[in-house]
């Protein structure tokens, strides 16, 4: 059994003359990412590896989560402006030793991908997190495997005790 955790980047800012790729996190986004990462850790959500879009806002969200988890972090260009097929391509590149992997990416791609593998309908808010159980032993079996939503958390709807 594998677990795929999808995380939309936290709330970002868009300063004048800043390219989309280089957009930083807003103060609210920094807070969202810190709270969500602690919430997951406090609820014993295990993660083996982080894979992030290289875009500043996604990568910084991932780095904040990593302050809580202390894991291997990778970036993958296909998680920036991703299509459903891009997500699948990154999944097929995953190491089978990693049973629970978190992807940090962007809308609309992350919502579209989640909707393609689930009967639940989603629109990810910033720093929204969805976890799916994938009934397989190898990531190479992802496409044909049964997939089940385990949870979907939104930053404004969680409580965390620090």
N, C-alpha and C. Protein backbone atom coordinates (compact mmCIF):
# COMPACT_ATOMS: atom_id res chain seq x y z
N UNK A 1 0.85 -1.19 0.00
CA UNK A 1 0.00 0.00 0.00
C UNK A 1 0.89 1.24 0.00
N UNK A 2 0.59 2.17 -0.88
CA UNK A 2 1.31 3.45 -0.97
C UNK A 2 0.35 4.57 -0.59
N UNK A 3 0.92 5.70 -0.19
CA UNK A 3 0.12 6.90 0.08
C UNK A 3 0.70 8.06 -0.72
N UNK A 4 -0.20 8.76 -1.41
CA UNK A 4 0.17 9.95 -2.16
C UNK A 4 -0.53 11.13 -1.50
N UNK A 5 0.26 12.10 -1.07
CA UNK A 5 -0.26 13.29 -0.42
C UNK A 5 -0.04 14.48 -1.35
N UNK A 6 -1.11 15.16 -1.67
CA UNK A 6 -1.05 16.32 -2.56
C UNK A 6 -1.21 17.59 -1.74
N UNK A 7 -0.28 18.52 -1.90
CA UNK A 7 -0.30 19.78 -1.16
C UNK A 7 -0.25 20.93 -2.17
N UNK A 8 -1.27 21.78 -2.14
CA UNK A 8 -1.20 22.99 -2.95
C UNK A 8 -0.35 23.99 -2.18
N UNK A 9 0.48 24.74 -2.89
CA UNK A 9 1.33 25.73 -2.22
C UNK A 9 0.48 26.66 -1.35
N UNK A 10 1.10 27.22 -0.34
CA UNK A 10 0.43 28.15 0.56
C UNK A 10 0.18 29.49 -0.15
N UNK A 11 -0.59 30.34 0.51
CA UNK A 11 -0.98 31.65 -0.04
C UNK A 11 0.25 32.42 -0.48
N UNK A 12 0.20 32.88 -1.72
CA UNK A 12 1.36 33.60 -2.27
C UNK A 12 1.04 35.07 -2.49
N UNK A 13 2.09 35.80 -2.72
CA UNK A 13 2.01 37.21 -3.02
C UNK A 13 2.35 37.37 -4.50
N UNK A 14 2.05 38.53 -5.07
CA UNK A 14 2.44 38.78 -6.46
C UNK A 14 2.93 40.21 -6.58
N UNK A 15 4.16 40.45 -6.07
CA UNK A 15 4.71 41.81 -6.16
C UNK A 15 4.84 42.25 -7.61
N UNK A 16 4.77 43.56 -7.82
CA UNK A 16 4.93 44.10 -9.18
C UNK A 16 6.22 43.61 -9.80
N UNK A 17 6.18 43.40 -11.10
CA UNK A 17 7.34 42.98 -11.89
C UNK A 17 7.95 41.66 -11.44
N UNK A 18 7.12 40.80 -10.85
CA UNK A 18 7.58 39.47 -10.45
C UNK A 18 6.96 38.45 -11.39
N UNK A 19 7.79 37.61 -11.95
CA UNK A 19 7.31 36.54 -12.81
C UNK A 19 6.54 35.51 -11.98
N UNK A 20 5.61 34.82 -12.62
CA UNK A 20 4.81 33.81 -11.92
C UNK A 20 5.70 32.82 -11.16
N UNK A 21 6.73 32.34 -11.79
CA UNK A 21 7.62 31.32 -11.20
C UNK A 21 8.24 31.82 -9.90
N UNK A 22 8.51 33.12 -9.82
CA UNK A 22 9.25 33.71 -8.70
C UNK A 22 8.38 34.27 -7.58
N UNK A 23 7.07 34.06 -7.66
CA UNK A 23 6.18 34.61 -6.63
C UNK A 23 6.49 34.04 -5.25
N UNK A 24 6.65 34.91 -4.26
CA UNK A 24 6.94 34.46 -2.90
C UNK A 24 5.66 34.12 -2.14
N UNK A 25 5.83 33.52 -0.99
CA UNK A 25 4.70 33.30 -0.10
C UNK A 25 4.34 34.61 0.61
N UNK A 26 3.05 34.80 0.82
CA UNK A 26 2.58 35.92 1.62
C UNK A 26 2.77 35.56 3.09
N UNK A 27 2.68 36.53 3.97
CA UNK A 27 2.80 36.25 5.40
C UNK A 27 1.77 35.21 5.83
N UNK A 28 0.54 35.34 5.31
CA UNK A 28 -0.51 34.37 5.63
C UNK A 28 -0.10 32.97 5.15
N UNK A 29 0.56 32.89 4.01
CA UNK A 29 1.01 31.61 3.48
C UNK A 29 2.06 30.95 4.36
N UNK A 30 2.98 31.75 4.87
CA UNK A 30 4.00 31.22 5.78
C UNK A 30 3.33 30.60 7.01
N UNK A 31 2.33 31.31 7.53
CA UNK A 31 1.60 30.83 8.71
C UNK A 31 0.80 29.56 8.37
N UNK A 32 0.10 29.57 7.21
CA UNK A 32 -0.68 28.39 6.78
C UNK A 32 0.20 27.15 6.69
N UNK A 33 1.35 27.31 6.04
CA UNK A 33 2.24 26.16 5.84
C UNK A 33 2.76 25.62 7.17
N UNK A 34 3.13 26.52 8.07
CA UNK A 34 3.61 26.09 9.38
C UNK A 34 2.52 25.34 10.15
N UNK A 35 1.32 25.90 10.15
CA UNK A 35 0.21 25.26 10.87
C UNK A 35 -0.17 23.92 10.26
N UNK A 36 -0.25 23.86 8.94
CA UNK A 36 -0.66 22.61 8.29
C UNK A 36 0.39 21.52 8.50
N UNK A 37 1.66 21.86 8.40
CA UNK A 37 2.70 20.84 8.59
C UNK A 37 2.67 20.31 10.03
N UNK A 38 2.47 21.18 10.99
CA UNK A 38 2.39 20.74 12.39
C UNK A 38 1.14 19.92 12.64
N UNK A 39 0.04 20.33 12.01
CA UNK A 39 -1.21 19.58 12.14
C UNK A 39 -1.03 18.14 11.63
N UNK A 40 -0.42 17.99 10.47
CA UNK A 40 -0.20 16.65 9.92
C UNK A 40 0.71 15.83 10.82
N UNK A 41 1.80 16.43 11.25
CA UNK A 41 2.75 15.72 12.12
C UNK A 41 2.09 15.34 13.45
N UNK A 42 1.33 16.26 14.04
CA UNK A 42 0.64 15.98 15.31
C UNK A 42 -0.41 14.88 15.18
N UNK A 43 -0.91 14.68 13.95
CA UNK A 43 -1.90 13.63 13.70
C UNK A 43 -1.26 12.37 13.11
N UNK A 44 0.04 12.25 13.32
CA UNK A 44 0.80 11.06 12.93
C UNK A 44 0.69 10.70 11.46
N UNK A 45 0.65 11.71 10.61
CA UNK A 45 0.66 11.49 9.16
C UNK A 45 2.12 11.29 8.77
N UNK A 46 2.47 10.07 8.43
CA UNK A 46 3.87 9.79 8.09
C UNK A 46 4.10 10.09 6.61
N UNK A 47 5.25 10.65 6.35
CA UNK A 47 5.67 10.98 4.98
C UNK A 47 7.13 10.57 4.87
N UNK A 48 7.48 9.93 3.75
CA UNK A 48 8.86 9.48 3.54
C UNK A 48 9.68 10.44 2.69
N UNK A 49 9.01 11.20 1.83
CA UNK A 49 9.74 12.01 0.86
C UNK A 49 8.86 13.17 0.39
N UNK A 50 9.49 14.31 0.14
CA UNK A 50 8.80 15.47 -0.44
C UNK A 50 9.30 15.69 -1.86
N UNK A 51 8.37 15.95 -2.79
CA UNK A 51 8.72 16.31 -4.16
C UNK A 51 7.95 17.59 -4.48
N UNK A 52 8.68 18.63 -4.87
CA UNK A 52 8.07 19.94 -5.06
C UNK A 52 8.29 20.48 -6.46
N UNK A 53 7.33 21.27 -6.88
CA UNK A 53 7.55 22.15 -8.03
C UNK A 53 8.73 23.05 -7.66
N UNK A 54 9.55 23.42 -8.65
CA UNK A 54 10.67 24.31 -8.34
C UNK A 54 10.26 25.78 -8.19
N UNK A 55 9.00 26.11 -8.48
CA UNK A 55 8.55 27.49 -8.35
C UNK A 55 8.67 27.94 -6.89
N UNK A 56 9.04 29.19 -6.69
CA UNK A 56 9.37 29.70 -5.35
C UNK A 56 8.28 29.42 -4.33
N UNK A 57 7.02 29.71 -4.66
CA UNK A 57 5.95 29.56 -3.66
C UNK A 57 5.72 28.11 -3.26
N UNK A 58 5.83 27.18 -4.20
CA UNK A 58 5.67 25.75 -3.88
C UNK A 58 6.89 25.24 -3.11
N UNK A 59 8.07 25.60 -3.57
CA UNK A 59 9.30 25.13 -2.92
C UNK A 59 9.40 25.68 -1.50
N UNK A 60 9.01 26.92 -1.29
CA UNK A 60 9.05 27.47 0.07
C UNK A 60 8.01 26.81 0.98
N UNK A 61 6.86 26.47 0.42
CA UNK A 61 5.87 25.71 1.20
C UNK A 61 6.48 24.37 1.62
N UNK A 62 7.11 23.71 0.68
CA UNK A 62 7.77 22.42 0.96
C UNK A 62 8.85 22.58 2.03
N UNK A 63 9.64 23.64 1.93
CA UNK A 63 10.72 23.86 2.92
C UNK A 63 10.15 24.08 4.32
N UNK A 64 9.01 24.77 4.40
CA UNK A 64 8.38 24.98 5.71
C UNK A 64 7.89 23.65 6.27
N UNK A 65 7.27 22.82 5.43
CA UNK A 65 6.86 21.49 5.87
C UNK A 65 8.08 20.69 6.33
N UNK A 66 9.19 20.89 5.65
CA UNK A 66 10.39 20.13 5.98
C UNK A 66 11.02 20.57 7.30
N UNK A 67 10.72 21.77 7.76
CA UNK A 67 11.18 22.19 9.08
C UNK A 67 10.50 21.33 10.16
N UNK A 68 9.32 20.83 9.85
CA UNK A 68 8.59 19.95 10.77
C UNK A 68 9.00 18.49 10.59
N UNK A 69 9.19 18.06 9.33
CA UNK A 69 9.40 16.64 9.04
C UNK A 69 10.86 16.21 8.89
N UNK A 70 11.74 17.06 8.39
CA UNK A 70 13.17 16.74 8.20
C UNK A 70 13.37 15.53 7.28
N UNK A 71 12.95 15.66 6.03
CA UNK A 71 13.01 14.56 5.06
C UNK A 71 13.87 14.92 3.86
N UNK A 72 14.02 13.94 2.98
CA UNK A 72 14.61 14.21 1.68
C UNK A 72 13.64 15.06 0.87
N UNK A 73 14.17 16.09 0.25
CA UNK A 73 13.36 16.96 -0.61
C UNK A 73 13.93 16.91 -2.02
N UNK A 74 13.03 16.83 -2.99
CA UNK A 74 13.43 16.88 -4.39
C UNK A 74 12.54 17.89 -5.09
N UNK A 75 13.02 18.40 -6.20
CA UNK A 75 12.15 19.21 -7.05
C UNK A 75 11.97 18.47 -8.37
N UNK A 76 10.84 18.75 -9.00
CA UNK A 76 10.57 18.15 -10.31
C UNK A 76 9.85 19.19 -11.16
N UNK A 77 10.46 19.53 -12.28
CA UNK A 77 9.91 20.57 -13.18
C UNK A 77 8.48 20.27 -13.61
N UNK A 78 8.12 19.00 -13.69
CA UNK A 78 6.78 18.65 -14.17
C UNK A 78 5.67 18.99 -13.18
N UNK A 79 6.03 19.39 -11.95
CA UNK A 79 5.01 19.79 -10.98
C UNK A 79 4.70 21.29 -11.05
N UNK A 80 5.37 22.02 -11.95
CA UNK A 80 5.06 23.43 -12.19
C UNK A 80 4.15 23.50 -13.42
N UNK A 81 3.01 24.15 -13.30
CA UNK A 81 1.98 24.18 -14.36
C UNK A 81 1.66 22.77 -14.85
N UNK A 82 1.32 21.88 -13.94
CA UNK A 82 1.21 20.46 -14.29
C UNK A 82 -0.12 20.08 -14.93
N UNK A 83 -0.05 19.09 -15.80
CA UNK A 83 -1.24 18.41 -16.30
C UNK A 83 -1.38 17.11 -15.50
N UNK A 84 -2.49 16.42 -15.68
CA UNK A 84 -2.67 15.14 -15.01
C UNK A 84 -1.54 14.17 -15.37
N UNK A 85 -1.16 14.16 -16.62
CA UNK A 85 -0.10 13.26 -17.09
C UNK A 85 1.25 13.61 -16.45
N UNK A 86 1.47 14.90 -16.19
CA UNK A 86 2.72 15.30 -15.52
C UNK A 86 2.82 14.65 -14.15
N UNK A 87 1.71 14.67 -13.39
CA UNK A 87 1.71 14.05 -12.06
C UNK A 87 2.04 12.56 -12.19
N UNK A 88 1.39 11.90 -13.14
CA UNK A 88 1.63 10.46 -13.31
C UNK A 88 3.08 10.18 -13.67
N UNK A 89 3.66 11.02 -14.51
CA UNK A 89 5.06 10.85 -14.89
C UNK A 89 5.98 10.95 -13.67
N UNK A 90 5.70 11.91 -12.79
CA UNK A 90 6.51 12.06 -11.57
C UNK A 90 6.29 10.84 -10.66
N UNK A 91 5.07 10.35 -10.57
CA UNK A 91 4.77 9.17 -9.75
C UNK A 91 5.58 7.97 -10.23
N UNK A 92 5.65 7.77 -11.53
CA UNK A 92 6.37 6.62 -12.06
C UNK A 92 7.87 6.71 -11.82
N UNK A 93 8.37 7.91 -11.52
CA UNK A 93 9.79 8.10 -11.21
C UNK A 93 10.11 7.90 -9.73
N UNK A 94 9.08 7.70 -8.89
CA UNK A 94 9.30 7.58 -7.45
C UNK A 94 10.01 6.28 -7.09
N UNK A 95 10.76 6.34 -6.02
CA UNK A 95 11.46 5.18 -5.47
C UNK A 95 10.45 4.33 -4.70
N UNK A 96 10.41 3.04 -4.97
CA UNK A 96 9.46 2.15 -4.30
C UNK A 96 9.72 2.01 -2.80
N UNK A 97 10.90 2.40 -2.34
CA UNK A 97 11.17 2.38 -0.91
C UNK A 97 10.38 3.46 -0.17
N UNK A 98 9.95 4.49 -0.89
CA UNK A 98 9.15 5.56 -0.30
C UNK A 98 7.68 5.17 -0.40
N UNK A 99 7.08 4.85 0.72
CA UNK A 99 5.68 4.40 0.73
C UNK A 99 4.68 5.54 0.85
N UNK A 100 5.12 6.67 1.35
CA UNK A 100 4.24 7.83 1.52
C UNK A 100 4.98 9.07 1.01
N UNK A 101 4.48 9.62 -0.08
CA UNK A 101 5.17 10.74 -0.74
C UNK A 101 4.23 11.93 -0.84
N UNK A 102 4.77 13.12 -0.56
CA UNK A 102 3.99 14.36 -0.67
C UNK A 102 4.50 15.17 -1.86
N UNK A 103 3.55 15.58 -2.71
CA UNK A 103 3.83 16.47 -3.84
C UNK A 103 3.36 17.87 -3.49
N UNK A 104 4.17 18.87 -3.80
CA UNK A 104 3.82 20.28 -3.61
C UNK A 104 3.70 20.89 -4.99
N UNK A 105 2.48 21.37 -5.31
CA UNK A 105 2.24 21.83 -6.66
C UNK A 105 1.21 22.97 -6.68
N UNK A 106 0.58 23.16 -7.84
CA UNK A 106 -0.23 24.35 -8.12
C UNK A 106 -1.60 23.97 -8.66
N UNK A 107 -2.53 24.92 -8.52
CA UNK A 107 -3.81 24.81 -9.21
C UNK A 107 -3.66 25.40 -10.60
N UNK A 108 -4.40 24.97 -11.51
CA UNK A 108 -5.54 24.07 -11.49
C UNK A 108 -5.11 22.61 -11.59
N UNK A 109 -3.85 22.40 -11.88
CA UNK A 109 -3.34 21.06 -12.09
C UNK A 109 -3.56 20.11 -10.93
N UNK A 110 -3.30 20.57 -9.71
CA UNK A 110 -3.41 19.67 -8.56
C UNK A 110 -4.87 19.28 -8.30
N UNK A 111 -5.79 20.24 -8.48
CA UNK A 111 -7.22 19.92 -8.33
C UNK A 111 -7.67 18.97 -9.42
N UNK A 112 -7.26 19.23 -10.65
CA UNK A 112 -7.65 18.37 -11.78
C UNK A 112 -7.14 16.95 -11.59
N UNK A 113 -5.89 16.83 -11.13
CA UNK A 113 -5.32 15.51 -10.91
C UNK A 113 -6.07 14.77 -9.80
N UNK A 114 -6.32 15.45 -8.67
CA UNK A 114 -7.05 14.83 -7.57
C UNK A 114 -8.42 14.36 -8.04
N UNK A 115 -9.09 15.19 -8.82
CA UNK A 115 -10.41 14.81 -9.33
C UNK A 115 -10.34 13.64 -10.30
N UNK A 116 -9.23 13.49 -10.99
CA UNK A 116 -9.09 12.38 -11.95
C UNK A 116 -8.89 11.04 -11.26
N UNK A 117 -8.42 11.06 -10.01
CA UNK A 117 -8.18 9.79 -9.31
C UNK A 117 -9.17 9.54 -8.17
N UNK A 118 -10.16 10.41 -8.04
CA UNK A 118 -11.11 10.28 -6.93
C UNK A 118 -12.51 10.57 -7.41
N UNK A 119 -13.46 9.96 -6.75
CA UNK A 119 -14.87 10.27 -7.06
C UNK A 119 -15.32 11.52 -6.31
N UNK A 120 -14.51 11.96 -5.34
CA UNK A 120 -14.82 13.20 -4.63
C UNK A 120 -14.44 14.38 -5.53
N UNK A 121 -15.14 15.46 -5.40
CA UNK A 121 -14.85 16.64 -6.23
C UNK A 121 -14.13 17.66 -5.36
N UNK A 122 -12.99 18.10 -5.83
CA UNK A 122 -12.19 19.04 -5.07
C UNK A 122 -11.87 20.29 -5.85
N UNK A 123 -11.67 21.32 -5.09
CA UNK A 123 -10.93 22.50 -5.54
C UNK A 123 -10.01 22.84 -4.38
N UNK A 124 -8.73 22.66 -4.57
CA UNK A 124 -7.77 22.88 -3.50
C UNK A 124 -7.66 24.36 -3.16
N UNK A 125 -7.87 24.72 -1.90
CA UNK A 125 -7.51 26.07 -1.47
C UNK A 125 -6.00 26.11 -1.28
N UNK A 126 -5.44 27.29 -1.10
CA UNK A 126 -4.02 27.35 -0.82
C UNK A 126 -3.72 26.56 0.45
N UNK A 127 -2.66 25.78 0.39
CA UNK A 127 -2.19 24.91 1.47
C UNK A 127 -3.19 23.80 1.82
N UNK A 128 -4.12 23.51 0.91
CA UNK A 128 -4.99 22.36 1.07
C UNK A 128 -4.18 21.08 0.89
N UNK A 129 -4.57 20.03 1.61
CA UNK A 129 -3.84 18.77 1.58
C UNK A 129 -4.81 17.61 1.43
N UNK A 130 -4.55 16.75 0.45
CA UNK A 130 -5.35 15.55 0.25
C UNK A 130 -4.42 14.34 0.30
N UNK A 131 -4.91 13.27 0.90
CA UNK A 131 -4.12 12.03 0.97
C UNK A 131 -4.93 10.91 0.34
N UNK A 132 -4.27 10.15 -0.51
CA UNK A 132 -4.89 9.00 -1.17
C UNK A 132 -4.11 7.74 -0.85
N UNK A 133 -4.84 6.66 -0.54
CA UNK A 133 -4.23 5.34 -0.45
C UNK A 133 -4.25 4.74 -1.85
N UNK A 134 -3.10 4.24 -2.25
CA UNK A 134 -2.96 3.62 -3.57
C UNK A 134 -2.68 2.14 -3.32
N UNK A 135 -3.57 1.28 -3.77
CA UNK A 135 -3.47 -0.15 -3.50
C UNK A 135 -2.47 -0.79 -4.46
N UNK A 136 -1.18 -0.59 -4.14
CA UNK A 136 -0.13 -1.17 -4.96
C UNK A 136 1.13 -1.32 -4.12
N UNK A 137 2.05 -2.12 -4.61
CA UNK A 137 3.34 -2.31 -3.95
C UNK A 137 4.45 -1.53 -4.63
N UNK A 138 4.20 -1.13 -5.86
CA UNK A 138 5.17 -0.37 -6.64
C UNK A 138 4.47 0.82 -7.28
N UNK A 139 5.16 1.96 -7.30
CA UNK A 139 4.57 3.15 -7.92
C UNK A 139 4.30 2.92 -9.41
N UNK A 140 5.00 1.96 -10.00
CA UNK A 140 4.78 1.66 -11.42
C UNK A 140 3.39 1.07 -11.67
N UNK A 141 2.70 0.62 -10.60
CA UNK A 141 1.36 0.05 -10.71
C UNK A 141 0.27 1.10 -10.47
N UNK A 142 0.65 2.36 -10.36
CA UNK A 142 -0.27 3.43 -9.97
C UNK A 142 -1.53 3.49 -10.84
N UNK A 143 -1.36 3.49 -12.14
CA UNK A 143 -2.49 3.72 -13.04
C UNK A 143 -3.60 2.70 -12.83
N UNK A 144 -3.26 1.43 -12.71
CA UNK A 144 -4.27 0.37 -12.60
C UNK A 144 -4.73 0.13 -11.15
N UNK A 145 -4.05 0.74 -10.18
CA UNK A 145 -4.36 0.47 -8.77
C UNK A 145 -5.63 1.19 -8.32
N UNK A 146 -6.31 0.59 -7.35
CA UNK A 146 -7.45 1.25 -6.71
C UNK A 146 -6.92 2.40 -5.86
N UNK A 147 -7.64 3.50 -5.88
CA UNK A 147 -7.24 4.69 -5.14
C UNK A 147 -8.39 5.13 -4.26
N UNK A 148 -8.06 5.50 -3.02
CA UNK A 148 -9.10 5.89 -2.07
C UNK A 148 -8.66 7.15 -1.33
N UNK A 149 -9.56 8.12 -1.26
CA UNK A 149 -9.29 9.32 -0.49
C UNK A 149 -9.28 8.98 0.99
N UNK A 150 -8.22 9.37 1.69
CA UNK A 150 -8.10 9.14 3.13
C UNK A 150 -8.53 10.39 3.89
N UNK A 151 -8.04 11.56 3.43
CA UNK A 151 -8.45 12.82 4.05
C UNK A 151 -8.24 13.98 3.09
N UNK A 152 -8.93 15.06 3.40
CA UNK A 152 -8.76 16.34 2.70
C UNK A 152 -8.87 17.44 3.75
N UNK A 153 -7.78 18.16 3.95
CA UNK A 153 -7.74 19.22 4.96
C UNK A 153 -7.54 20.58 4.30
N UNK A 154 -8.26 21.56 4.84
CA UNK A 154 -8.11 22.94 4.42
C UNK A 154 -7.59 23.74 5.60
N UNK A 155 -6.68 24.68 5.37
CA UNK A 155 -6.06 25.39 6.49
C UNK A 155 -7.05 26.12 7.39
N UNK A 156 -8.10 26.69 6.85
CA UNK A 156 -9.06 27.43 7.67
C UNK A 156 -9.98 26.54 8.48
N UNK A 157 -9.91 25.22 8.25
CA UNK A 157 -10.85 24.30 8.91
C UNK A 157 -10.16 23.28 9.82
N UNK A 158 -8.91 23.55 10.18
CA UNK A 158 -8.23 22.64 11.09
C UNK A 158 -7.91 23.36 12.39
N UNK A 159 -7.80 22.59 13.44
CA UNK A 159 -7.38 23.13 14.73
C UNK A 159 -6.04 22.50 15.07
N UNK A 160 -5.15 23.32 15.55
CA UNK A 160 -3.85 22.80 15.95
C UNK A 160 -3.51 23.30 17.33
N UNK A 161 -3.02 22.38 18.14
CA UNK A 161 -2.51 22.79 19.44
C UNK A 161 -0.99 22.77 19.37
N UNK A 162 -0.40 23.90 19.65
CA UNK A 162 1.07 24.01 19.50
C UNK A 162 1.80 23.65 20.76
